Protein backbone atom coordinates (compact mmCIF):
# COMPACT_ATOMS: atom_id res chain seq x y z
CA MET A 1 -23.98 -28.54 13.58
CA THR A 2 -23.90 -27.34 9.97
CA PRO A 3 -22.21 -24.02 9.21
CA ILE A 4 -24.44 -21.10 8.32
CA HIS A 5 -23.79 -19.70 4.86
CA ASP A 6 -24.97 -16.43 3.40
CA PRO A 7 -27.32 -17.57 0.60
CA LEU A 8 -26.48 -14.71 -1.77
CA PRO A 9 -23.59 -12.30 -2.03
CA ARG A 10 -24.41 -8.72 -1.17
CA LEU A 11 -25.58 -7.08 -4.41
CA GLY A 12 -26.64 -3.65 -3.19
CA ILE A 13 -24.33 -1.38 -1.22
CA ARG A 14 -25.70 1.41 0.98
CA ARG A 15 -24.53 4.99 0.55
CA ARG A 16 -22.75 5.05 3.90
CA ASP A 17 -20.82 1.89 2.97
CA VAL A 18 -19.75 3.38 -0.37
CA ILE A 19 -18.49 6.47 1.48
CA ALA A 20 -16.59 4.23 3.90
CA THR A 21 -15.13 2.23 1.00
CA PHE A 22 -13.91 5.38 -0.77
CA GLY A 23 -12.74 6.90 2.52
CA SER A 24 -14.20 10.29 1.68
CA ARG A 25 -17.67 11.76 1.37
CA SER A 26 -16.47 14.37 -1.13
CA LEU A 27 -14.93 11.68 -3.37
CA TYR A 28 -18.25 9.79 -3.26
CA GLU A 29 -20.19 12.97 -4.12
CA ASP A 30 -17.81 13.78 -6.99
CA CYS A 31 -18.24 10.27 -8.43
CA VAL A 32 -22.04 10.55 -8.30
CA ARG A 33 -22.01 14.09 -9.75
CA ALA A 34 -19.72 12.96 -12.60
CA GLY A 35 -22.05 10.06 -13.40
CA TRP A 36 -19.53 7.39 -12.46
CA LEU A 37 -21.99 5.99 -9.89
CA ARG A 38 -25.76 5.85 -10.24
CA PRO A 39 -28.08 4.61 -7.52
CA LEU A 40 -30.20 1.56 -8.27
CA VAL A 41 -32.66 2.33 -5.48
CA ARG A 42 -33.53 5.73 -4.03
CA ARG A 43 -36.35 5.38 -1.52
CA GLY A 44 -36.63 7.68 1.47
CA ARG A 45 -33.35 7.41 3.34
CA LEU A 46 -32.31 4.25 1.50
CA THR A 47 -29.91 4.62 -1.42
CA LEU A 48 -28.38 1.46 -2.90
CA PHE A 49 -25.63 1.11 -5.48
CA ASP A 50 -24.72 -1.97 -7.49
CA ALA A 51 -21.70 -3.66 -5.88
CA SER A 52 -20.00 -4.24 -9.24
CA ASP A 53 -20.40 -0.54 -10.14
CA VAL A 54 -18.74 0.47 -6.87
CA GLU A 55 -15.87 -1.90 -7.62
CA LYS A 56 -15.47 -0.52 -11.16
CA VAL A 57 -15.32 3.05 -9.87
CA TRP A 58 -12.77 2.05 -7.23
CA MET A 59 -10.59 0.46 -9.95
CA ARG A 60 -10.73 3.74 -11.94
CA ILE A 61 -9.63 5.67 -8.86
CA LYS A 62 -6.92 3.11 -8.12
CA LYS A 63 -5.53 3.54 -11.66
CA GLY A 64 -5.20 7.29 -11.03
CA GLU A 65 -8.41 8.65 -12.55
CA VAL A 66 -10.09 11.35 -10.52
CA PRO A 67 -13.65 12.60 -11.00
CA PRO A 68 -14.06 16.36 -11.48
CA HIS A 69 -14.34 18.09 -8.12
CA GLY A 70 -17.16 20.43 -7.17
CA GLU A 71 -20.20 21.63 -9.07
CA THR A 72 -20.47 20.88 -12.78
């Protein structure tokens, strides 16, 4: 039996998965509000972000950068 491989890496990440990755809904909302993250697809209840953009934002947070909190 041949192993099953995922043909393509996951390119789009759903909103709920970005929130889970960041560990906080408010941190996610602050990143979007600050323009650090922009959705690629916004259709009905589906919002997708580019996986590499999510990783770049996480690296900024990891280095100590924090998006402005609250309304701008």
